[in-house]
């Protein structure tokens, strides 16, 4: 066993504040939102164009204009088209580095519910009460 003292390992003890800030941003309005379709599978997303609507792109630009984010922001996103379009817009507005895409930020898989909301309601009824 080494003779390292615990106090030698605590290199943050004299730091009074950390400067890291984390922001989470939801995608702008997507075409699937307009069509009331749940899209949680990458294959569904790649078969159709479920990216952002023009309103969705405007929502993203407005959010960034009202934020304190800067060009040194690191942007990490899921691979869904609505998320990558949102992230690309943020990156372009900020002048930030290329986005990083990870599968770890995917939504849940809704399985047989991967269809228009109207079909789900027709089959299962409303979810009220």
Protein backbone atom coordinates (compact mmCIF):
# COMPACT_ATOMS: atom_id res chain seq x y z
CA UNK A 1 0.00 0.00 0.00
CA UNK A 2 1.34 3.45 -0.85
CA UNK A 3 1.94 6.20 1.69
CA UNK A 4 -0.32 8.80 0.03
CA UNK A 5 -2.05 11.06 2.52
CA UNK A 6 -5.72 11.88 1.98
CA UNK A 7 -4.88 15.57 2.14
CA UNK A 8 -2.52 15.12 -0.84
CA UNK A 9 -5.37 13.72 -2.90
CA UNK A 10 -7.79 16.56 -2.26
CA UNK A 11 -6.61 18.97 -4.95
CA UNK A 12 -9.94 20.83 -4.89
CA UNK A 13 -9.90 21.77 -1.20
CA UNK A 14 -8.77 25.35 -1.85
CA UNK A 15 -11.24 25.97 -4.67
CA UNK A 16 -14.06 28.18 -3.43
CA UNK A 17 -16.26 27.89 -6.50
CA UNK A 18 -16.42 25.82 -9.65
CA UNK A 19 -17.07 27.48 -12.99
CA UNK A 20 -18.69 24.58 -14.82
CA UNK A 21 -22.29 25.17 -15.77
CA UNK A 22 -24.58 22.60 -17.32
CA UNK A 23 -27.58 23.45 -19.46
CA UNK A 24 -30.19 21.11 -20.84
CA UNK A 25 -32.17 22.16 -23.87
CA UNK A 26 -35.12 20.39 -25.38
CA UNK A 27 -35.38 20.32 -29.16
CA UNK A 28 -37.55 22.82 -30.97
CA UNK A 29 -40.91 21.85 -32.43
CA UNK A 30 -40.47 18.82 -34.68
CA UNK A 31 -42.55 17.51 -37.56
CA UNK A 32 -43.43 14.52 -35.38
CA UNK A 33 -44.76 16.91 -32.72
CA UNK A 34 -47.03 18.49 -35.33
CA UNK A 35 -48.24 15.10 -36.52
CA UNK A 36 -48.62 13.89 -32.91
CA UNK A 37 -46.36 10.93 -33.60
CA UNK A 38 -44.12 9.32 -31.00
CA UNK A 39 -40.67 8.73 -32.50
CA UNK A 40 -38.36 6.89 -30.12
CA UNK A 41 -36.61 4.42 -32.41
CA UNK A 42 -33.66 5.50 -34.56
CA UNK A 43 -34.95 3.43 -37.49
CA UNK A 44 -38.27 5.32 -37.39
CA UNK A 45 -36.43 8.64 -37.29
CA UNK A 46 -34.23 7.71 -40.26
CA UNK A 47 -37.13 6.41 -42.41
CA UNK A 48 -39.06 9.66 -42.28
CA UNK A 49 -38.24 13.35 -42.03
CA UNK A 50 -39.10 14.15 -38.42
CA UNK A 51 -36.67 17.03 -38.07
CA UNK A 52 -37.53 20.53 -36.95
CA UNK A 53 -40.27 22.69 -38.37
CA UNK A 54 -39.49 26.31 -39.22
CA UNK A 55 -41.14 27.28 -35.93
CA UNK A 56 -38.85 24.79 -34.19
CA UNK A 57 -35.77 26.44 -35.72
CA UNK A 58 -37.08 29.87 -34.65
CA UNK A 59 -37.65 28.54 -31.11
CA UNK A 60 -34.04 27.35 -30.94
CA UNK A 61 -32.63 30.65 -32.22
CA UNK A 62 -34.78 32.60 -29.72
CA UNK A 63 -33.66 30.39 -26.84
CA UNK A 64 -30.00 30.90 -27.67
CA UNK A 65 -30.42 34.65 -28.16
CA UNK A 66 -31.78 34.82 -24.60
CA UNK A 67 -29.09 32.59 -23.08
CA UNK A 68 -25.68 33.20 -21.60
CA UNK A 69 -24.04 30.46 -23.70
CA UNK A 70 -20.79 31.30 -25.44
CA UNK A 71 -18.63 29.91 -28.25
CA UNK A 72 -16.73 27.68 -25.81
CA UNK A 73 -19.92 25.74 -25.05
CA UNK A 74 -19.57 21.98 -25.52
CA UNK A 75 -22.70 20.58 -27.16
CA UNK A 76 -23.63 16.92 -26.69
CA UNK A 77 -26.78 15.52 -28.30
CA UNK A 78 -28.66 12.37 -29.22
CA UNK A 79 -28.64 11.24 -32.84
CA UNK A 80 -32.32 11.92 -33.49
CA UNK A 81 -32.79 14.43 -36.30
CA UNK A 82 -34.77 16.84 -34.10
CA UNK A 83 -31.94 16.89 -31.55
CA UNK A 84 -29.07 17.17 -34.04
CA UNK A 85 -30.85 19.96 -35.95
CA UNK A 86 -31.38 21.80 -32.67
CA UNK A 87 -27.74 21.29 -31.70
CA UNK A 88 -26.45 22.33 -35.13
CA UNK A 89 -28.49 25.53 -34.92
CA UNK A 90 -27.11 26.27 -31.44
CA UNK A 91 -23.57 25.56 -32.64
CA UNK A 92 -23.96 27.85 -35.65
CA UNK A 93 -25.40 30.72 -33.61
CA UNK A 94 -22.70 30.45 -30.94
CA UNK A 95 -19.81 29.68 -33.27
CA UNK A 96 -19.09 26.64 -31.07
CA UNK A 97 -17.10 23.52 -31.93
CA UNK A 98 -18.70 20.57 -33.70
CA UNK A 99 -21.45 18.82 -31.76
CA UNK A 100 -20.82 15.47 -30.09
CA UNK A 101 -23.46 12.82 -30.78
CA UNK A 102 -24.07 10.01 -28.29
CA UNK A 103 -26.57 7.17 -28.08
CA UNK A 104 -26.63 7.67 -24.29
CA UNK A 105 -29.02 10.61 -24.71
CA UNK A 106 -31.70 8.72 -26.63
CA UNK A 107 -35.21 8.64 -25.29
CA UNK A 108 -36.91 5.53 -24.05
CA UNK A 109 -38.12 3.03 -26.61
CA UNK A 110 -41.92 3.18 -26.67
CA UNK A 111 -42.22 -0.05 -28.68
CA UNK A 112 -45.76 -0.65 -29.97
CA UNK A 113 -46.64 2.94 -29.01
CA UNK A 114 -44.33 4.12 -31.79
CA UNK A 115 -47.19 5.47 -33.89
CA UNK A 116 -49.55 8.43 -34.14
CA UNK A 117 -51.25 9.37 -30.85
CA UNK A 118 -54.65 9.00 -32.54
CA UNK A 119 -53.96 5.30 -33.21
CA UNK A 120 -52.91 4.76 -29.59
CA UNK A 121 -56.04 6.48 -28.28
CA UNK A 122 -58.23 4.48 -30.67
CA UNK A 123 -56.75 1.23 -29.41
CA UNK A 124 -56.34 2.02 -25.69
CA UNK A 125 -58.75 4.89 -25.10
CA UNK A 126 -57.93 8.18 -23.43
CA UNK A 127 -55.48 8.39 -20.57
CA UNK A 128 -57.54 10.67 -18.33
CA UNK A 129 -58.94 10.06 -14.89
